[in-house]
Amino acid sequence: MAELITKAMNGSLTYKEAHFLTAGVVDEQPGQLLRDAACLNPGNRDLMARAMAAARTEDVKAARVIAQRVQQQWMAAEPAAAETLSDEDARNIKFAMRVPWQERVLAMSSNEMGVDMGRFGLVVFYNPRDAHVPDFKMEIETAVHHGLHYSPRRVKEETLNRFTLHWVAVSGDNLNPNALRNRFSTMLQNHEIPLGFRQYVFLYVDEEALRSRETARPYIWLAEPELETDPGTKSESKPEHDYDTGPEACQPLKVDIKHIFPTFFARLVQRDLKGEAKRKPYRHTSELSMLHAAARLSRDAQWERDWIWPPPARFM
């Protein structure tokens, strides 16, 4: 308790810690206290309330006030995020939060690498000279913020503090998939990409993505670098599926900016998992070809294909 009080006074309480300060650390304790109070007559009920208040030190009282303010901030952020999401959007996020992706990235940051990676996330290329980029960049960052705050009980505090987008400026002439693949590969070779960021995919904003701001589902592009493979190395077998992905499977993919986090990031991390965890709770794995196959089932309000990932969760 003393540690929580200190964190409250320093203004560094997490959502869960604020909950502990206001509701107690014992499961269902507030409900039990309410049931006990309900069994008392009014006089004893008042006596019980005054006794509980007297048992709290001034430090605890002050810490509880701060904790209540923290909870109010979260309670304001959560519905604000929910207002930006449709029922299908919310369902996609709930599916993503069933993937153990947070445990994976946080374990990598503290154990496998042997060093503290600090931030983790995705690399995004953009043209700083385009006058429309700053506004779209703000929209994307806002969408990520809503994704981080939509499920405060499920998003770990370490994830909240560490996830970010790493924006990399490029000239407009080089804002095409082939040039960006080369740029990303060069950055990898020169160790210019922070350790915690995904090393096999990147995002980018071009003129077409900027024009999507005028549509119901603004999107950003996903692409993958061309990885060099050893001819003598046996490649992993592709998962079985019923889709004919066609030649578009290796092309960039449109990703709804509302789902960069957590839906899209969770599916990327899922590639690192083993066994059924690479797929569940979805029907298919998350290689680029499979993401394209899923995007083929995405429809706009007029029920026309919009090729934007993700489609409704039931199609993935």
C-alpha atoms as a PDB file:
ATOM      1  CA  MET A   1       0.000   0.000   0.000  1.00  0.00           C
ATOM      2  CA  ALA A   2       2.838   2.376   0.833  1.00  0.00           C
ATOM      3  CA  GLU A   3       4.240   1.932  -2.693  1.00  0.00           C
ATOM      4  CA  LEU A   4       0.847   2.735  -4.245  1.00  0.00           C
ATOM      5  CA  ILE A   5       0.515   5.842  -2.096  1.00  0.00           C
ATOM      6  CA  THR A   6       3.967   7.013  -3.193  1.00  0.00           C
ATOM      7  CA  LYS A   7       3.118   6.440  -6.862  1.00  0.00           C
ATOM      8  CA  ALA A   8      -0.139   8.339  -6.407  1.00  0.00           C
ATOM      9  CA  MET A   9       1.670  11.318  -4.918  1.00  0.00           C
ATOM     10  CA  ASN A  10       4.171  11.219  -7.817  1.00  0.00           C
ATOM     11  CA  GLY A  11       1.373  11.131 -10.397  1.00  0.00           C
ATOM     12  CA  SER A  12       2.429   7.777 -11.875  1.00  0.00           C
ATOM     13  CA  LEU A  13      -0.528   5.527 -11.048  1.00  0.00           C
ATOM     14  CA  THR A  14      -1.611   2.973 -13.629  1.00  0.00           C
ATOM     15  CA  TYR A  15      -5.256   2.107 -14.221  1.00  0.00           C
ATOM     16  CA  LYS A  16      -4.954  -1.140 -12.261  1.00  0.00           C
ATOM     17  CA  GLU A  17      -3.157   0.556  -9.372  1.00  0.00           C
ATOM     18  CA  ALA A  18      -5.821   3.259  -9.210  1.00  0.00           C
ATOM     19  CA  HIS A  19      -8.423   0.492  -9.068  1.00  0.00           C
ATOM     20  CA  PHE A  20      -6.603  -1.145  -6.149  1.00  0.00           C
ATOM     21  CA  LEU A  21      -6.520   2.124  -4.216  1.00  0.00           C
ATOM     22  CA  THR A  22     -10.213   2.814  -4.675  1.00  0.00           C
ATOM     23  CA  ALA A  23     -11.667  -0.707  -4.581  1.00  0.00           C
ATOM     24  CA  GLY A  24      -9.101  -2.583  -2.474  1.00  0.00           C
ATOM     25  CA  VAL A  25      -6.770  -5.428  -3.338  1.00  0.00           C
ATOM     26  CA  VAL A  26      -9.108  -8.209  -2.186  1.00  0.00           C
ATOM     27  CA  ASP A  27     -11.368  -9.558  -4.941  1.00  0.00           C
ATOM     28  CA  GLU A  28     -15.022  -8.544  -4.529  1.00  0.00           C
ATOM     29  CA  GLN A  29     -14.232  -6.713  -1.290  1.00  0.00           C
ATOM     30  CA  PRO A  30     -16.321  -3.604  -2.155  1.00  0.00           C
ATOM     31  CA  GLY A  31     -19.335  -5.754  -2.975  1.00  0.00           C
ATOM     32  CA  GLN A  32     -18.991  -7.704   0.241  1.00  0.00           C
ATOM     33  CA  LEU A  33     -18.764  -4.493   2.268  1.00  0.00           C
ATOM     34  CA  LEU A  34     -21.907  -3.181   0.574  1.00  0.00           C
ATOM     35  CA  ARG A  35     -23.742  -6.417   1.370  1.00  0.00           C
ATOM     36  CA  ASP A  36     -22.614  -6.236   4.988  1.00  0.00           C
ATOM     37  CA  ALA A  37     -23.741  -2.610   5.242  1.00  0.00           C
ATOM     38  CA  ALA A  38     -27.116  -3.452   3.746  1.00  0.00           C
ATOM     39  CA  CYS A  39     -27.758  -5.862   6.595  1.00  0.00           C
ATOM     40  CA  LEU A  40     -27.277  -3.131   9.218  1.00  0.00           C
ATOM     41  CA  ASN A  41     -29.803  -0.665  10.511  1.00  0.00           C
ATOM     42  CA  PRO A  42     -29.251   2.996   9.510  1.00  0.00           C
ATOM     43  CA  GLY A  43     -27.474   3.876  12.759  1.00  0.00           C
ATOM     44  CA  ASN A  44     -24.979   1.025  12.568  1.00  0.00           C
ATOM     45  CA  ARG A  45     -24.505   1.625   8.850  1.00  0.00           C
ATOM     46  CA  ASP A  46     -23.488   5.221   9.574  1.00  0.00           C
ATOM     47  CA  LEU A  47     -21.226   4.051  12.390  1.00  0.00           C
ATOM     48  CA  MET A  48     -19.549   1.567  10.037  1.00  0.00           C
ATOM     49  CA  ALA A  49     -18.938   4.282   7.429  1.00  0.00           C
ATOM     50  CA  ARG A  50     -17.429   6.651  10.004  1.00  0.00           C
ATOM     51  CA  ALA A  51     -15.231   3.889  11.420  1.00  0.00           C
ATOM     52  CA  MET A  52     -13.894   3.012   7.953  1.00  0.00           C
ATOM     53  CA  ALA A  53     -13.200   6.681   7.229  1.00  0.00           C
ATOM     54  CA  ALA A  54     -11.415   7.126  10.549  1.00  0.00           C
ATOM     55  CA  ALA A  55      -9.239   4.079   9.868  1.00  0.00           C
ATOM     56  CA  ARG A  56      -7.794   5.708   6.753  1.00  0.00           C
ATOM     57  CA  THR A  57      -4.713   7.852   7.205  1.00  0.00           C
ATOM     58  CA  GLU A  58      -4.451  11.245   5.561  1.00  0.00           C
ATOM     59  CA  ASP A  59      -1.977   9.790   3.045  1.00  0.00           C
ATOM     60  CA  VAL A  60      -4.455   7.086   2.078  1.00  0.00           C
ATOM     61  CA  LYS A  61      -7.272   9.618   1.722  1.00  0.00           C
ATOM     62  CA  ALA A  62      -5.144  11.857  -0.507  1.00  0.00           C
ATOM     63  CA  ALA A  63      -4.005   8.863  -2.579  1.00  0.00           C
ATOM     64  CA  ARG A  64      -7.617   7.720  -3.080  1.00  0.00           C
ATOM     65  CA  VAL A  65      -8.595  11.163  -4.355  1.00  0.00           C
ATOM     66  CA  ILE A  66      -5.763  11.026  -6.903  1.00  0.00           C
ATOM     67  CA  ALA A  67      -6.694   7.459  -7.845  1.00  0.00           C
ATOM     68  CA  GLN A  68     -10.288   8.533  -8.480  1.00  0.00           C
ATOM     69  CA  ARG A  69      -9.043  11.258 -10.845  1.00  0.00           C
ATOM     70  CA  VAL A  70      -6.940   8.673 -12.717  1.00  0.00           C
ATOM     71  CA  GLN A  71      -9.982   6.424 -13.068  1.00  0.00           C
ATOM     72  CA  GLN A  72     -12.071   9.333 -14.317  1.00  0.00           C
ATOM     73  CA  GLN A  73      -9.471  10.051 -17.005  1.00  0.00           C
ATOM     74  CA  TRP A  74      -9.619   6.431 -18.136  1.00  0.00           C
ATOM     75  CA  MET A  75     -13.406   6.429 -17.980  1.00  0.00           C
ATOM     76  CA  ALA A  76     -13.387   9.433 -20.309  1.00  0.00           C
ATOM     77  CA  ALA A  77     -10.822   7.914 -22.707  1.00  0.00           C
ATOM     78  CA  GLU A  78     -12.581   4.567 -23.049  1.00  0.00           C
ATOM     79  CA  PRO A  79     -15.964   5.855 -24.339  1.00  0.00           C
ATOM     80  CA  ALA A  80     -14.163   8.403 -26.537  1.00  0.00           C
ATOM     81  CA  ALA A  81     -12.379   5.490 -28.199  1.00  0.00           C
ATOM     82  CA  ALA A  82     -15.587   3.454 -28.413  1.00  0.00           C
ATOM     83  CA  GLU A  83     -17.363   6.283 -30.258  1.00  0.00           C
ATOM     84  CA  THR A  84     -14.928   5.935 -33.169  1.00  0.00           C
ATOM     85  CA  LEU A  85     -15.596   2.209 -33.585  1.00  0.00           C
ATOM     86  CA  SER A  86     -18.386   0.271 -35.219  1.00  0.00           C
ATOM     87  CA  ASP A  87     -19.618  -3.016 -33.769  1.00  0.00           C
ATOM     88  CA  GLU A  88     -17.384  -4.899 -36.228  1.00  0.00           C
ATOM     89  CA  ASP A  89     -14.404  -2.738 -35.237  1.00  0.00           C
ATOM     90  CA  ALA A  90     -14.994  -3.505 -31.560  1.00  0.00           C
ATOM     91  CA  ARG A  91     -15.336  -7.203 -32.308  1.00  0.00           C
ATOM     92  CA  ASN A  92     -12.026  -7.191 -34.200  1.00  0.00           C
ATOM     93  CA  ILE A  93     -10.284  -5.583 -31.227  1.00  0.00           C
ATOM     94  CA  LYS A  94     -11.764  -8.116 -28.822  1.00  0.00           C
ATOM     95  CA  PHE A  95     -10.495 -10.946 -31.022  1.00  0.00           C
ATOM     96  CA  ALA A  96      -7.012  -9.385 -31.122  1.00  0.00           C
ATOM     97  CA  MET A  97      -6.865  -9.097 -27.353  1.00  0.00           C
ATOM     98  CA  ARG A  98      -7.290 -12.880 -27.109  1.00  0.00           C
ATOM     99  CA  VAL A  99      -3.898 -13.327 -28.802  1.00  0.00           C
ATOM    100  CA  PRO A 100      -0.976 -13.487 -26.294  1.00  0.00           C
ATOM    101  CA  TRP A 101       0.932 -10.833 -28.245  1.00  0.00           C
ATOM    102  CA  GLN A 102       1.628  -8.584 -25.265  1.00  0.00           C
ATOM    103  CA  GLU A 103       3.342 -11.367 -23.379  1.00  0.00           C
ATOM    104  CA  ARG A 104       5.477 -12.060 -26.450  1.00  0.00           C
ATOM    105  CA  VAL A 105       6.727  -8.522 -27.091  1.00  0.00           C
ATOM    106  CA  LEU A 106       7.255  -7.735 -23.415  1.00  0.00           C
ATOM    107  CA  ALA A 107       9.135 -11.018 -22.885  1.00  0.00           C
ATOM    108  CA  MET A 108      11.346 -10.246 -25.892  1.00  0.00           C
ATOM    109  CA  SER A 109      12.158  -6.823 -24.508  1.00  0.00           C
ATOM    110  CA  SER A 110      13.299  -8.162 -21.155  1.00  0.00           C
ATOM    111  CA  ASN A 111      14.669 -11.640 -21.803  1.00  0.00           C
ATOM    112  CA  GLU A 112      15.530 -12.765 -25.318  1.00  0.00           C
ATOM    113  CA  MET A 113      17.410  -9.692 -26.453  1.00  0.00           C
ATOM    114  CA  GLY A 114      19.382  -9.304 -23.241  1.00  0.00           C
ATOM    115  CA  VAL A 115      18.871  -5.525 -23.372  1.00  0.00           C
ATOM    116  CA  ASP A 116      15.981  -3.193 -22.689  1.00  0.00           C
ATOM    117  CA  MET A 117      14.471  -2.407 -26.088  1.00  0.00           C
ATOM    118  CA  GLY A 118      12.419   0.435 -24.687  1.00  0.00           C
ATOM    119  CA  ARG A 119       9.779   1.300 -27.278  1.00  0.00           C
ATOM    120  CA  PHE A 120       8.316  -1.163 -29.763  1.00  0.00           C
ATOM    121  CA  GLY A 121       6.006  -0.755 -32.721  1.00  0.00           C
ATOM    122  CA  LEU A 122       6.085  -0.169 -36.473  1.00  0.00           C
ATOM    123  CA  VAL A 123       8.101   1.873 -38.947  1.00  0.00           C
ATOM    124  CA  VAL A 124       6.097   4.334 -41.068  1.00  0.00           C
ATOM    125  CA  PHE A 125       7.457   6.103 -44.160  1.00  0.00           C
ATOM    126  CA  TYR A 126       5.990   9.429 -45.227  1.00  0.00           C
ATOM    127  CA  ASN A 127       6.712  12.480 -47.379  1.00  0.00           C
ATOM    128  CA  PRO A 128       7.281  15.487 -45.061  1.00  0.00           C
ATOM    129  CA  ARG A 129       6.816  17.946 -47.933  1.00  0.00           C
ATOM    130  CA  ASP A 130       3.207  16.957 -48.576  1.00  0.00           C
ATOM    131  CA  ALA A 131       0.980  19.593 -46.985  1.00  0.00           C
ATOM    132  CA  HIS A 132      -1.710  17.020 -46.136  1.00  0.00           C
ATOM    133  CA  VAL A 133       0.602  14.678 -44.224  1.00  0.00           C
ATOM    134  CA  PRO A 134       0.591  16.472 -40.815  1.00  0.00           C
ATOM    135  CA  ASP A 135      -3.200  16.266 -40.527  1.00  0.00           C
ATOM    136  CA  PHE A 136      -3.291  12.626 -41.588  1.00  0.00           C
ATOM    137  CA  LYS A 137      -0.408  11.836 -39.261  1.00  0.00           C
ATOM    138  CA  MET A 138      -2.432  13.320 -36.406  1.00  0.00           C
ATOM    139  CA  GLU A 139      -5.438  11.212 -37.409  1.00  0.00           C
ATOM    140  CA  ILE A 140      -3.300   8.080 -37.385  1.00  0.00           C
ATOM    141  CA  GLU A 141      -1.776   8.887 -33.984  1.00  0.00           C
ATOM    142  CA  THR A 142      -5.270   9.581 -32.629  1.00  0.00           C
ATOM    143  CA  ALA A 143      -6.508   6.244 -33.957  1.00  0.00           C
ATOM    144  CA  VAL A 144      -3.591   4.490 -32.242  1.00  0.00           C
ATOM    145  CA  HIS A 145      -4.353   6.377 -29.016  1.00  0.00           C
ATOM    146  CA  HIS A 146      -7.965   5.176 -29.158  1.00  0.00           C
ATOM    147  CA  GLY A 147      -6.771   1.623 -29.748  1.00  0.00           C
ATOM    148  CA  LEU A 148      -4.519   1.826 -26.705  1.00  0.00           C
ATOM    149  CA  HIS A 149      -7.306   3.135 -24.484  1.00  0.00           C
ATOM    150  CA  TYR A 150     -10.286   1.119 -25.714  1.00  0.00           C
ATOM    151  CA  SER A 151      -9.611  -1.825 -23.354  1.00  0.00           C
ATOM    152  CA  PRO A 152      -7.895  -0.390 -20.246  1.00  0.00           C
ATOM    153  CA  ARG A 153      -8.351  -3.641 -18.322  1.00  0.00           C
ATOM    154  CA  ARG A 154      -6.662  -5.686 -21.066  1.00  0.00           C
ATOM    155  CA  VAL A 155      -3.864  -3.460 -22.354  1.00  0.00           C
ATOM    156  CA  LYS A 156      -0.906  -3.764 -20.015  1.00  0.00           C
ATOM    157  CA  GLU A 157       0.662  -0.605 -18.678  1.00  0.00           C
ATOM    158  CA  GLU A 158       4.028  -1.541 -20.227  1.00  0.00           C
ATOM    159  CA  THR A 159       2.327  -1.842 -23.616  1.00  0.00           C
ATOM    160  CA  LEU A 160       0.603   1.501 -23.157  1.00  0.00           C
ATOM    161  CA  ASN A 161       3.906   3.201 -22.392  1.00  0.00           C
ATOM    162  CA  ARG A 162       6.023   1.461 -25.029  1.00  0.00           C
ATOM    163  CA  PHE A 163       4.002   1.070 -28.228  1.00  0.00           C
ATOM    164  CA  THR A 164       4.619   3.780 -30.800  1.00  0.00           C
ATOM    165  CA  LEU A 165       5.072   4.467 -34.505  1.00  0.00           C
ATOM    166  CA  HIS A 166       8.560   5.281 -35.803  1.00  0.00           C
ATOM    167  CA  TRP A 167       8.069   7.898 -38.536  1.00  0.00           C
ATOM    168  CA  VAL A 168      10.753   8.023 -41.230  1.00  0.00           C
ATOM    169  CA  ALA A 169      10.800  10.857 -43.769  1.00  0.00           C
ATOM    170  CA  VAL A 170      11.491  10.063 -47.443  1.00  0.00           C
ATOM    171  CA  SER A 171      11.234  12.144 -50.592  1.00  0.00           C
ATOM    172  CA  GLY A 172       8.076  11.912 -52.676  1.00  0.00           C
ATOM    173  CA  ASP A 173       9.991  10.326 -55.568  1.00  0.00           C
ATOM    174  CA  ASN A 174      10.944   7.372 -53.349  1.00  0.00           C
ATOM    175  CA  LEU A 175       7.475   6.834 -51.897  1.00  0.00           C
ATOM    176  CA  ASN A 176       6.738   3.676 -53.860  1.00  0.00           C
ATOM    177  CA  PRO A 177       6.871   0.033 -52.722  1.00  0.00           C
ATOM    178  CA  ASN A 178      10.088  -0.981 -54.496  1.00  0.00           C
ATOM    179  CA  ALA A 179      12.074   2.043 -53.354  1.00  0.00           C
ATOM    180  CA  LEU A 180      10.743   1.681 -49.821  1.00  0.00           C
ATOM    181  CA  ARG A 181      11.621  -2.011 -49.713  1.00  0.00           C
ATOM    182  CA  ASN A 182      15.195  -1.128 -50.625  1.00  0.00           C
ATOM    183  CA  ARG A 183      15.258   1.686 -48.071  1.00  0.00           C
ATOM    184  CA  PHE A 184      13.889  -0.547 -45.329  1.00  0.00           C
ATOM    185  CA  SER A 185      16.382  -3.320 -46.127  1.00  0.00           C
ATOM    186  CA  THR A 186      19.230  -0.806 -46.022  1.00  0.00           C
ATOM    187  CA  MET A 187      18.017   0.484 -42.682  1.00  0.00           C
ATOM    188  CA  LEU A 188      17.968  -3.069 -41.361  1.00  0.00           C
ATOM    189  CA  GLN A 189      21.516  -3.719 -42.544  1.00  0.00           C
ATOM    190  CA  ASN A 190      22.736  -0.482 -40.984  1.00  0.00           C
ATOM    191  CA  HIS A 191      20.880  -1.147 -37.707  1.00  0.00           C
ATOM    192  CA  GLU A 192      18.867   2.053 -38.147  1.00  0.00           C
ATOM    193  CA  ILE A 193      15.618   0.455 -37.005  1.00  0.00           C
ATOM    194  CA  PRO A 194      15.185   0.334 -33.212  1.00  0.00           C
ATOM    195  CA  LEU A 195      15.350  -3.190 -31.812  1.00  0.00           C
ATOM    196  CA  GLY A 196      11.777  -3.329 -30.591  1.00  0.00           C
ATOM    197  CA  PHE A 197      10.206  -2.520 -33.949  1.00  0.00           C
ATOM    198  CA  ARG A 198       8.939  -5.125 -36.388  1.00  0.00           C
ATOM    199  CA  GLN A 199      11.795  -6.078 -38.663  1.00  0.00           C
ATOM    200  CA  TYR A 200       9.832  -7.688 -41.506  1.00  0.00           C
ATOM    201  CA  VAL A 201       7.058  -5.190 -42.279  1.00  0.00           C
ATOM    202  CA  PHE A 202       6.636  -1.448 -42.647  1.00  0.00           C
ATOM    203  CA  LEU A 203       3.839   1.038 -43.257  1.00  0.00           C
ATOM    204  CA  TYR A 204       3.770   4.013 -45.586  1.00  0.00           C
ATOM    205  CA  VAL A 205       1.579   6.961 -46.507  1.00  0.00           C
ATOM    206  CA  ASP A 206       1.350   7.931 -50.179  1.00  0.00           C
ATOM    207  CA  GLU A 207      -1.051  10.168 -52.112  1.00  0.00           C
ATOM    208  CA  GLU A 208      -3.653   7.430 -52.446  1.00  0.00           C
ATOM    209  CA  ALA A 209      -3.627   6.841 -48.692  1.00  0.00           C
ATOM    210  CA  LEU A 210      -3.986  10.577 -48.136  1.00  0.00           C
ATOM    211  CA  ARG A 211      -7.033  10.645 -50.405  1.00  0.00           C
ATOM    212  CA  SER A 212      -8.603   7.891 -48.292  1.00  0.00           C
ATOM    213  CA  ARG A 213      -9.113  10.502 -45.566  1.00  0.00           C
ATOM    214  CA  GLU A 214     -12.242  11.507 -47.458  1.00  0.00           C
ATOM    215  CA  THR A 215     -13.705   7.992 -47.208  1.00  0.00           C
ATOM    216  CA  ALA A 216     -15.396   6.088 -44.373  1.00  0.00           C
ATOM    217  CA  ARG A 217     -12.278   3.962 -43.779  1.00  0.00           C
ATOM    218  CA  PRO A 218      -9.002   5.895 -44.083  1.00  0.00           C
ATOM    219  CA  TYR A 219      -6.122   3.491 -44.587  1.00  0.00           C
ATOM    220  CA  ILE A 220      -2.361   3.213 -44.606  1.00  0.00           C
ATOM    221  CA  TRP A 221      -0.254   0.841 -46.722  1.00  0.00           C
ATOM    222  CA  LEU A 222       1.548  -2.253 -45.415  1.00  0.00           C
ATOM    223  CA  ALA A 223       4.497  -3.700 -47.338  1.00  0.00           C
ATOM    224  CA  GLU A 224       7.214  -6.236 -46.647  1.00  0.00           C
ATOM    225  CA  PRO A 225      10.879  -6.119 -47.640  1.00  0.00           C
ATOM    226  CA  GLU A 226      12.196  -8.735 -50.037  1.00  0.00           C
ATOM    227  CA  LEU A 227      14.033 -11.109 -47.747  1.00  0.00           C
ATOM    228  CA  GLU A 228      17.017 -13.012 -49.067  1.00  0.00           C
ATOM    229  CA  THR A 229      16.599 -16.744 -48.562  1.00  0.00           C
ATOM    230  CA  ASP A 230      19.117 -19.552 -48.621  1.00  0.00           C
ATOM    231  CA  PRO A 231      18.250 -21.884 -51.543  1.00  0.00           C
ATOM    232  CA  GLY A 232      19.291 -24.840 -49.410  1.00  0.00           C
ATOM    233  CA  THR A 233      16.966 -23.898 -46.596  1.00  0.00           C
ATOM    234  CA  LYS A 234      13.560 -25.470 -46.558  1.00  0.00           C
ATOM    235  CA  SER A 235      10.876 -22.814 -46.359  1.00  0.00           C
ATOM    236  CA  GLU A 236       7.943 -23.121 -44.009  1.00  0.00           C
ATOM    237  CA  SER A 237       4.907 -24.686 -45.572  1.00  0.00           C
ATOM    238  CA  LYS A 238       2.029 -22.358 -46.312  1.00  0.00           C
ATOM    239  CA  PRO A 239      -1.167 -22.844 -44.320  1.00  0.00           C
ATOM    240  CA  GLU A 240      -4.047 -24.473 -46.097  1.00  0.00           C
ATOM    241  CA  HIS A 241      -6.871 -22.156 -47.061  1.00  0.00           C
ATOM    242  CA  ASP A 242      -9.757 -21.887 -49.474  1.00  0.00           C
ATOM    243  CA  TYR A 243      -8.803 -18.582 -51.070  1.00  0.00           C
ATOM    244  CA  ASP A 244      -7.198 -17.965 -54.426  1.00  0.00           C
ATOM    245  CA  THR A 245      -5.072 -15.009 -53.362  1.00  0.00           C
ATOM    246  CA  GLY A 246      -3.777 -14.295 -56.862  1.00  0.00           C
ATOM    247  CA  PRO A 247      -0.844 -12.093 -57.827  1.00  0.00           C
ATOM    248  CA  GLU A 248      -1.921  -9.332 -55.450  1.00  0.00           C
ATOM    249  CA  ALA A 249      -0.745 -11.444 -52.488  1.00  0.00           C
ATOM    250  CA  CYS A 250       2.778  -9.972 -52.604  1.00  0.00           C
ATOM    251  CA  GLN A 251       1.566  -6.422 -53.183  1.00  0.00           C
ATOM    252  CA  PRO A 252       1.092  -3.752 -50.480  1.00  0.00           C
ATOM    253  CA  LEU A 253      -2.005  -4.096 -48.342  1.00  0.00           C
ATOM    254  CA  LYS A 254      -4.467  -1.414 -47.262  1.00  0.00           C
ATOM    255  CA  VAL A 255      -4.821  -1.318 -43.457  1.00  0.00           C
ATOM    256  CA  ASP A 256      -7.626   0.600 -41.745  1.00  0.00           C
ATOM    257  CA  ILE A 257      -5.906   3.184 -39.512  1.00  0.00           C
ATOM    258  CA  LYS A 258      -8.327   2.345 -36.672  1.00  0.00           C
ATOM    259  CA  HIS A 259      -6.787  -1.131 -36.538  1.00  0.00           C
ATOM    260  CA  ILE A 260      -3.063  -0.417 -36.608  1.00  0.00           C
ATOM    261  CA  PHE A 261      -3.277  -1.091 -32.881  1.00  0.00           C
ATOM    262  CA  PRO A 262      -4.112  -3.544 -31.459  1.00  0.00           C
ATOM    263  CA  THR A 263      -5.648  -5.671 -34.242  1.00  0.00           C
ATOM    264  CA  PHE A 264      -2.943  -5.375 -36.882  1.00  0.00           C
ATOM    265  CA  PHE A 265      -0.006  -5.357 -34.477  1.00  0.00           C
ATOM    266  CA  ALA A 266      -1.367  -8.418 -32.663  1.00  0.00           C
ATOM    267  CA  ARG A 267      -1.601 -10.337 -35.937  1.00  0.00           C
ATOM    268  CA  LEU A 268       1.980  -9.427 -36.827  1.00  0.00           C
ATOM    269  CA  VAL A 269       3.302 -10.600 -33.469  1.00  0.00           C
ATOM    270  CA  GLN A 270       1.252 -13.757 -33.899  1.00  0.00           C
ATOM    271  CA  ARG A 271       3.678 -14.769 -36.652  1.00  0.00           C
ATOM    272  CA  ASP A 272       6.340 -15.208 -33.944  1.00  0.00           C
ATOM    273  CA  LEU A 273       4.242 -17.598 -31.857  1.00  0.00           C
ATOM    274  CA  LYS A 274       4.314 -21.383 -31.962  1.00  0.00           C
ATOM    275  CA  GLY A 275       1.736 -24.055 -32.631  1.00  0.00           C
ATOM    276  CA  GLU A 276      -1.930 -23.139 -32.563  1.00  0.00           C
ATOM    277  CA  ALA A 277      -1.093 -19.750 -31.045  1.00  0.00           C
ATOM    278  CA  LYS A 278       0.047 -18.681 -34.554  1.00  0.00           C
ATOM    279  CA  ARG A 279      -3.581 -18.844 -35.644  1.00  0.00           C
ATOM    280  CA  LYS A 280      -6.097 -18.891 -32.779  1.00  0.00           C
ATOM    281  CA  PRO A 281      -8.624 -17.395 -32.242  1.00  0.00           C
ATOM    282  CA  TYR A 282      -8.671 -16.889 -36.025  1.00  0.00           C
ATOM    283  CA  ARG A 283      -9.172 -19.516 -38.704  1.00  0.00           C
ATOM    284  CA  HIS A 284      -6.035 -18.584 -40.658  1.00  0.00           C
ATOM    285  CA  THR A 285      -2.486 -17.440 -39.990  1.00  0.00           C
ATOM    286  CA  SER A 286      -1.279 -13.904 -40.678  1.00  0.00           C
ATOM    287  CA  GLU A 287       1.192 -14.048 -43.554  1.00  0.00           C
ATOM    288  CA  LEU A 288       0.767 -11.238 -46.082  1.00  0.00           C
ATOM    289  CA  SER A 289      -0.962 -13.567 -48.543  1.00  0.00           C
ATOM    290  CA  MET A 290      -3.508 -14.506 -45.891  1.00  0.00           C
ATOM    291  CA  LEU A 291      -4.110 -10.861 -44.964  1.00  0.00           C
ATOM    292  CA  HIS A 292      -4.791 -10.161 -48.657  1.00  0.00           C
ATOM    293  CA  ALA A 293      -7.156 -13.128 -48.780  1.00  0.00           C
ATOM    294  CA  ALA A 294      -9.064 -11.723 -45.830  1.00  0.00           C
ATOM    295  CA  ALA A 295      -9.132  -8.204 -47.336  1.00  0.00           C
ATOM    296  CA  ARG A 296     -10.903  -9.609 -50.385  1.00  0.00           C
ATOM    297  CA  LEU A 297     -13.904 -10.153 -48.107  1.00  0.00           C
ATOM    298  CA  SER A 298     -13.998  -6.561 -46.883  1.00  0.00           C
ATOM    299  CA  ARG A 299     -16.942  -4.471 -48.102  1.00  0.00           C
ATOM    300  CA  ASP A 300     -17.915  -0.818 -47.971  1.00  0.00           C
ATOM    301  CA  ALA A 301     -21.341   0.608 -47.104  1.00  0.00           C
ATOM    302  CA  GLN A 302     -22.573  -0.121 -50.652  1.00  0.00           C
ATOM    303  CA  TRP A 303     -21.433  -3.723 -50.260  1.00  0.00           C
ATOM    304  CA  GLU A 304     -18.661  -3.235 -52.816  1.00  0.00           C
ATOM    305  CA  ARG A 305     -15.224  -4.693 -52.201  1.00  0.00           C
ATOM    306  CA  ASP A 306     -12.900  -2.065 -50.757  1.00  0.00           C
ATOM    307  CA  TRP A 307      -9.880  -4.376 -50.237  1.00  0.00           C
ATOM    308  CA  ILE A 308      -9.185  -2.810 -46.842  1.00  0.00           C
ATOM    309  CA  TRP A 309      -7.940  -4.995 -44.001  1.00  0.00           C
ATOM    310  CA  PRO A 310      -9.409  -6.067 -41.635  1.00  0.00           C
ATOM    311  CA  PRO A 311     -12.734  -7.508 -42.737  1.00  0.00           C
ATOM    312  CA  PRO A 312     -15.190  -8.628 -40.032  1.00  0.00           C
ATOM    313  CA  ALA A 313     -13.419 -10.950 -37.591  1.00  0.00           C
ATOM    314  CA  ARG A 314     -15.491 -13.964 -38.684  1.00  0.00           C
ATOM    315  CA  PHE A 315     -13.738 -13.880 -42.081  1.00  0.00           C
ATOM    316  CA  MET A 316     -10.211 -14.153 -40.663  1.00  0.00           C
END
